[in-house]
């Protein structure tokens, strides 16, 4: 194989080189191949895993079985921007070994981080995959708690009428939660599907139990994200309610102003008629009387509105 093949032996807690065989130590090696190398070595599984479209079109996590081999893909959202670009790679699980397909170097960095991680059983390729999946979720509970805290701060800002850029922030939160929701749901399905297919092929109840526990964990994270999505919808509705209330207050104020000046407009229109025989026009105190009458009407209307608590 080429220089892009890497092998790991967790029992020794170190990374091997390209000459390290699967028999070194007591563990099965984990290989990392480039996409092109895997396509040449396993063409049928490559076409099945990537649907002939290649790694650039990986959008979700999945597990498929083909001739006793479980293969699939991972699409892992970033903690900084879950709705943005994802870390994508493929995997192939056989009886003898676990193979990852990755061109980005992400898997290599991930396995380097796991060198001191307490493995379940390094002699089992399926449980090596299980440990990788567990490692991917090891800090997600804390991450979701921090995300929930950010939503709580958004709610506190709403109560204080601090709504600057709220629409942008809540939209970003909903997009991120939608991406996380899909991710955890897919992992939960993988945890259900992988042991069922391995059990049908190999009859391994221990693997089935552990992957079932992983599925339950991913399912709980999915449920948490779903509740946070509902929370974000409630925040959006609360914000929309505040906007509606402010608009109603503005319309209420404009309506009161229009109502106050409506009688005055009637008086102005009445005396604006061009009739010759209007005795009030020649009354020496007519202007003063009209002004006093207008002031009395305005005062009476304001008193009435305040009594009704409309103003």
Protein backbone atom coordinates (compact mmCIF):
# COMPACT_ATOMS: atom_id res chain seq x y z
CA UNK A 1 0.00 0.00 0.00
CA UNK A 2 1.00 3.69 -0.33
CA UNK A 3 2.48 6.04 2.20
CA UNK A 4 -1.00 7.22 3.25
CA UNK A 5 -1.70 3.97 5.14
CA UNK A 6 -1.52 4.36 8.91
CA UNK A 7 -1.96 1.60 11.49
CA UNK A 8 -2.77 1.99 15.17
CA UNK A 9 -2.40 -0.50 18.03
CA UNK A 10 -4.28 0.78 21.07
CA UNK A 11 -2.94 -1.98 23.33
CA UNK A 12 0.51 -0.35 23.04
CA UNK A 13 -0.87 3.22 23.20
CA UNK A 14 1.26 4.30 20.26
CA UNK A 15 0.98 4.86 16.58
CA UNK A 16 2.66 2.29 14.34
CA UNK A 17 4.22 2.86 10.98
CA UNK A 18 3.31 1.39 7.62
CA UNK A 19 5.30 -1.81 8.35
CA UNK A 20 3.44 -2.66 11.56
CA UNK A 21 1.36 -5.73 10.94
CA UNK A 22 -1.99 -6.68 12.36
CA UNK A 23 -0.33 -9.17 14.63
CA UNK A 24 1.77 -6.66 16.57
CA UNK A 25 0.79 -6.72 20.24
CA UNK A 26 -2.52 -8.28 21.23
CA UNK A 27 -4.79 -5.95 19.26
CA UNK A 28 -6.16 -5.73 15.77
CA UNK A 29 -4.71 -2.83 13.86
CA UNK A 30 -6.82 0.07 12.68
CA UNK A 31 -5.92 1.23 9.17
CA UNK A 32 -6.45 4.64 7.65
CA UNK A 33 -6.59 4.63 3.86
CA UNK A 34 -7.10 7.43 1.42
CA UNK A 35 -10.38 7.36 -0.47
CA UNK A 36 -8.59 6.45 -3.69
CA UNK A 37 -6.72 3.56 -2.08
CA UNK A 38 -9.91 2.18 -0.60
CA UNK A 39 -11.68 2.50 -3.94
CA UNK A 40 -8.96 0.44 -5.61
CA UNK A 41 -8.86 -2.19 -2.86
CA UNK A 42 -12.61 -2.49 -2.17
CA UNK A 43 -14.42 -1.22 -5.29
CA UNK A 44 -17.77 -2.87 -4.53
CA UNK A 45 -17.95 -1.57 -0.98
CA UNK A 46 -16.76 1.86 -2.13
CA UNK A 47 -19.60 2.12 -4.65
CA UNK A 48 -22.10 0.93 -2.03
CA UNK A 49 -20.82 3.26 0.69
CA UNK A 50 -20.48 6.39 -1.38
CA UNK A 51 -23.15 5.61 -3.99
CA UNK A 52 -20.56 6.21 -6.68
CA UNK A 53 -20.45 9.93 -5.91
CA UNK A 54 -17.32 10.03 -3.77
CA UNK A 55 -16.60 11.54 -0.33
CA UNK A 56 -17.51 15.09 -1.37
CA UNK A 57 -21.17 14.10 -1.23
CA UNK A 58 -21.16 12.60 2.28
CA UNK A 59 -23.97 14.32 4.18
CA UNK A 60 -24.93 11.94 6.98
CA UNK A 61 -23.89 9.03 9.19
CA UNK A 62 -24.93 5.55 8.11
CA UNK A 63 -24.14 1.85 8.33
CA UNK A 64 -24.62 -0.67 5.48
CA UNK A 65 -23.79 -4.36 5.25
CA UNK A 66 -22.29 -6.05 2.21
CA UNK A 67 -21.02 -9.64 2.18
CA UNK A 68 -20.35 -9.82 5.91
CA UNK A 69 -18.76 -6.36 6.00
CA UNK A 70 -20.29 -3.36 7.72
CA UNK A 71 -19.39 -0.09 5.98
CA UNK A 72 -20.67 3.42 6.21
CA UNK A 73 -19.87 7.08 6.67
CA UNK A 74 -19.59 9.71 9.37
CA UNK A 75 -20.50 13.37 8.94
CA UNK A 76 -19.57 15.14 12.19
CA UNK A 77 -20.69 18.74 12.74
CA UNK A 78 -18.28 21.22 14.25
CA UNK A 79 -18.90 22.32 17.84
CA UNK A 80 -18.11 25.91 16.88
CA UNK A 81 -20.55 25.97 13.95
CA UNK A 82 -22.78 22.87 13.82
CA UNK A 83 -24.64 24.10 10.75
CA UNK A 84 -21.43 24.70 8.80
CA UNK A 85 -19.02 22.30 7.12
CA UNK A 86 -18.74 18.80 8.59
CA UNK A 87 -15.83 16.46 9.15
CA UNK A 88 -16.57 13.53 6.84
CA UNK A 89 -14.92 10.13 6.51
CA UNK A 90 -15.85 6.54 5.80
CA UNK A 91 -15.27 3.27 7.61
CA UNK A 92 -15.26 -0.43 6.82
CA UNK A 93 -15.58 -3.08 9.52
CA UNK A 94 -14.57 -6.67 8.78
CA UNK A 95 -14.02 -9.68 11.04
CA UNK A 96 -10.31 -9.01 11.14
CA UNK A 97 -9.90 -5.23 11.13
CA UNK A 98 -11.36 -1.76 11.13
CA UNK A 99 -10.52 0.52 8.18
CA UNK A 100 -11.13 4.25 7.98
CA UNK A 101 -11.19 6.20 4.70
CA UNK A 102 -10.15 9.80 5.13
CA UNK A 103 -8.29 12.38 3.05
CA UNK A 104 -8.46 15.27 5.52
CA UNK A 105 -6.31 13.90 8.35
CA UNK A 106 -9.20 14.18 10.81
CA UNK A 107 -9.26 10.45 11.68
CA UNK A 108 -5.51 10.41 12.27
CA UNK A 109 -5.82 13.32 14.73
CA UNK A 110 -8.81 11.64 16.37
CA UNK A 111 -6.95 8.36 16.92
CA UNK A 112 -3.91 10.24 18.23
CA UNK A 113 -6.18 11.84 20.84
CA UNK A 114 -7.50 8.39 21.78
CA UNK A 115 -4.10 6.82 22.48
CA UNK A 116 -4.64 7.26 26.24
CA UNK A 117 -8.35 6.50 26.06
CA UNK A 118 -9.54 3.46 28.01
CA UNK A 119 -10.58 1.00 25.31
CA UNK A 120 -13.35 -1.54 25.77
CA UNK A 121 -11.63 -4.43 23.97
CA UNK A 122 -8.73 -3.77 21.59
CA UNK A 123 -8.91 -7.35 20.29
CA UNK A 124 -12.30 -6.71 18.66
CA UNK A 125 -12.51 -4.49 15.53
CA UNK A 126 -16.21 -3.90 16.13
CA UNK A 127 -15.55 -2.64 19.65
CA UNK A 128 -12.75 -0.46 18.34
CA UNK A 129 -15.42 1.19 16.17
CA UNK A 130 -17.67 1.36 19.22
CA UNK A 131 -14.95 3.16 21.18
CA UNK A 132 -14.44 5.68 18.37
CA UNK A 133 -18.18 6.38 18.32
CA UNK A 134 -18.22 6.74 22.10
CA UNK A 135 -15.26 9.10 21.96
CA UNK A 136 -17.08 11.31 19.47
CA UNK A 137 -19.81 11.88 22.08
CA UNK A 138 -17.68 12.07 25.22
CA UNK A 139 -18.18 15.84 25.78
CA UNK A 140 -21.47 16.38 24.00
CA UNK A 141 -23.54 16.50 27.18
CA UNK A 142 -21.44 19.45 28.42
CA UNK A 143 -21.60 21.05 24.99
CA UNK A 144 -25.40 20.85 24.89
CA UNK A 145 -25.62 22.25 28.41
CA UNK A 146 -23.57 25.25 27.31
CA UNK A 147 -25.83 25.66 24.29
CA UNK A 148 -28.88 25.54 26.53
CA UNK A 149 -27.29 28.25 28.71
CA UNK A 150 -26.89 30.45 25.63
CA UNK A 151 -30.61 30.04 24.87
CA UNK A 152 -31.39 30.98 28.48
CA UNK A 153 -29.35 34.17 28.07
CA UNK A 154 -31.35 34.94 24.93
CA UNK A 155 -34.55 34.58 26.95
CA UNK A 156 -33.22 36.87 29.69
CA UNK A 157 -32.35 39.43 27.03
CA UNK A 158 -35.91 39.24 25.70
CA UNK A 159 -37.34 39.91 29.14
CA UNK A 160 -35.09 42.98 29.38
CA UNK A 161 -36.23 44.11 25.90
CA UNK A 162 -32.70 43.58 24.57
CA UNK A 163 -33.74 42.39 21.14
CA UNK A 164 -30.89 43.67 18.98
CA UNK A 165 -30.08 41.08 16.26
CA UNK A 166 -32.36 38.59 18.00
CA UNK A 167 -33.74 37.25 14.71
CA UNK A 168 -30.24 36.57 13.40
CA UNK A 169 -29.15 34.84 16.62
CA UNK A 170 -32.25 32.67 16.99
CA UNK A 171 -32.09 31.65 13.33
CA UNK A 172 -28.44 30.61 13.75
CA UNK A 173 -29.39 28.65 16.89
CA UNK A 174 -32.23 26.85 15.10
CA UNK A 175 -29.98 25.94 12.16
CA UNK A 176 -27.34 24.58 14.54
CA UNK A 177 -29.90 22.59 16.53
CA UNK A 178 -31.38 21.13 13.35
CA UNK A 179 -27.91 19.94 12.29
CA UNK A 180 -27.23 18.45 15.73
CA UNK A 181 -30.65 16.81 15.81
CA UNK A 182 -30.02 15.06 12.49
CA UNK A 183 -26.51 14.03 13.62
CA UNK A 184 -27.63 12.42 16.89
CA UNK A 185 -30.60 10.73 15.23
CA UNK A 186 -28.31 9.21 12.62
CA UNK A 187 -25.86 8.00 15.29
CA UNK A 188 -28.73 6.47 17.23
CA UNK A 189 -29.87 4.63 14.11
CA UNK A 190 -26.30 3.47 13.50
CA UNK A 191 -26.15 2.09 17.03
CA UNK A 192 -29.36 0.16 16.35
CA UNK A 193 -28.46 -1.02 12.86
CA UNK A 194 -24.80 -1.96 13.34
CA UNK A 195 -25.25 -4.58 16.12
CA UNK A 196 -28.34 -6.03 14.45
CA UNK A 197 -26.43 -6.59 11.24
CA UNK A 198 -23.32 -7.86 13.03
CA UNK A 199 -25.43 -10.22 15.12
CA UNK A 200 -27.08 -11.58 12.01
CA UNK A 201 -23.64 -12.11 10.47
CA UNK A 202 -21.60 -13.16 13.52
CA UNK A 203 -23.92 -13.87 16.44
CA UNK A 204 -22.08 -11.53 18.84
CA UNK A 205 -24.43 -10.56 21.68
CA UNK A 206 -21.82 -8.51 23.57
CA UNK A 207 -21.32 -6.17 20.63
CA UNK A 208 -25.07 -5.91 20.25
CA UNK A 209 -25.47 -4.88 23.90
CA UNK A 210 -22.74 -2.22 23.77
CA UNK A 211 -23.94 -0.72 20.51
CA UNK A 212 -27.46 -0.73 21.94
CA UNK A 213 -26.21 1.30 24.91
CA UNK A 214 -24.53 3.71 22.50
CA UNK A 215 -27.80 4.03 20.58
CA UNK A 216 -29.61 4.88 23.82
CA UNK A 217 -26.99 7.54 24.63
CA UNK A 218 -27.26 9.12 21.19
CA UNK A 219 -31.04 8.91 21.50
CA UNK A 220 -30.96 10.85 24.77
CA UNK A 221 -28.81 13.53 23.16
CA UNK A 222 -31.28 13.65 20.28
CA UNK A 223 -34.16 14.11 22.72
CA UNK A 224 -32.25 16.90 24.48
CA UNK A 225 -31.69 18.70 21.18
CA UNK A 226 -35.36 18.29 20.29
CA UNK A 227 -36.36 19.96 23.57
CA UNK A 228 -33.91 22.77 22.86
CA UNK A 229 -35.44 23.20 19.39
CA UNK A 230 -38.87 23.55 20.99
CA UNK A 231 -37.36 26.03 23.47
CA UNK A 232 -35.94 28.09 20.59
CA UNK A 233 -39.36 28.08 18.91
CA UNK A 234 -40.92 29.35 22.13
CA UNK A 235 -38.31 32.12 22.29
CA UNK A 236 -39.10 33.10 18.72
CA UNK A 237 -42.81 33.16 19.49
CA UNK A 238 -42.11 35.25 22.60
CA UNK A 239 -40.13 37.72 20.53
CA UNK A 240 -42.88 37.86 17.91
CA UNK A 241 -45.41 38.46 20.68
CA UNK A 242 -43.34 41.38 21.96
CA UNK A 243 -43.14 42.82 18.44
CA UNK A 244 -46.93 42.48 18.06
CA UNK A 245 -47.50 44.16 21.42
CA UNK A 246 -45.27 47.09 20.45
CA UNK A 247 -47.06 47.43 17.12
CA UNK A 248 -50.43 47.34 18.89
CA UNK A 249 -49.27 50.05 21.28
CA UNK A 250 -48.19 52.23 18.35
CA UNK A 251 -51.49 51.67 16.56
CA UNK A 252 -53.36 52.39 19.78
CA UNK A 253 -51.52 55.69 20.23
CA UNK A 254 -52.14 56.73 16.62
CA UNK A 255 -55.82 55.81 16.92
CA UNK A 256 -56.19 57.93 20.07
CA UNK A 257 -54.50 60.90 18.40
CA UNK A 258 -56.78 60.53 15.37
CA UNK A 259 -59.86 60.29 17.60
CA UNK A 260 -58.83 63.37 19.62
CA UNK A 261 -58.42 65.55 16.56
CA UNK A 262 -61.42 64.22 14.66
CA UNK A 263 -63.93 66.67 16.29
CA UNK A 264 -61.48 69.52 15.68
CA UNK A 265 -61.29 68.54 12.02
CA UNK A 266 -65.09 68.57 11.92
CA UNK A 267 -65.21 72.12 13.36
CA UNK A 268 -62.51 73.29 10.94
CA UNK A 269 -64.37 71.75 8.03
CA UNK A 270 -67.67 73.21 9.20
CA UNK A 271 -66.41 76.77 9.34
CA UNK A 272 -64.41 76.27 6.17
CA UNK A 273 -67.61 76.19 4.11
CA UNK A 274 -67.96 79.24 1.83
CA UNK A 275 -71.47 80.29 2.77
CA UNK A 276 -72.22 84.01 2.99
CA UNK A 277 -74.89 83.80 5.69
CA UNK A 278 -72.90 82.35 8.60
CA UNK A 279 -73.60 84.62 11.61
CA UNK A 280 -70.67 83.21 13.64
CA UNK A 281 -68.22 84.62 11.11
CA UNK A 282 -69.09 88.17 12.19
CA UNK A 283 -69.15 87.44 15.92
CA UNK A 284 -66.28 89.46 17.50
CA UNK A 285 -65.36 86.70 19.95
CA UNK A 286 -66.00 83.81 17.56
CA UNK A 287 -62.35 82.78 17.24
CA UNK A 288 -61.83 82.72 21.00
CA UNK A 289 -65.01 80.72 21.52
CA UNK A 290 -64.01 78.14 18.93
CA UNK A 291 -60.56 77.77 20.52
CA UNK A 292 -62.10 77.29 23.98
CA UNK A 293 -64.59 74.75 22.64
CA UNK A 294 -61.78 72.81 20.92
CA UNK A 295 -59.71 72.75 24.13
CA UNK A 296 -62.71 71.56 26.14
CA UNK A 297 -63.37 68.77 23.62
CA UNK A 298 -59.71 67.61 23.74
CA UNK A 299 -59.70 67.72 27.56
CA UNK A 300 -62.97 65.80 27.74
CA UNK A 301 -61.69 63.10 25.37
CA UNK A 302 -58.42 62.70 27.27
CA UNK A 303 -60.34 62.39 30.55
CA UNK A 304 -62.63 59.77 29.00
CA UNK A 305 -59.72 57.73 27.58
CA UNK A 306 -57.88 57.76 30.89
CA UNK A 307 -60.99 56.68 32.72
CA UNK A 308 -61.29 53.73 30.34
CA UNK A 309 -57.53 53.12 30.74
CA UNK A 310 -57.02 53.49 27.01
CA UNK A 311 -54.45 56.24 27.43
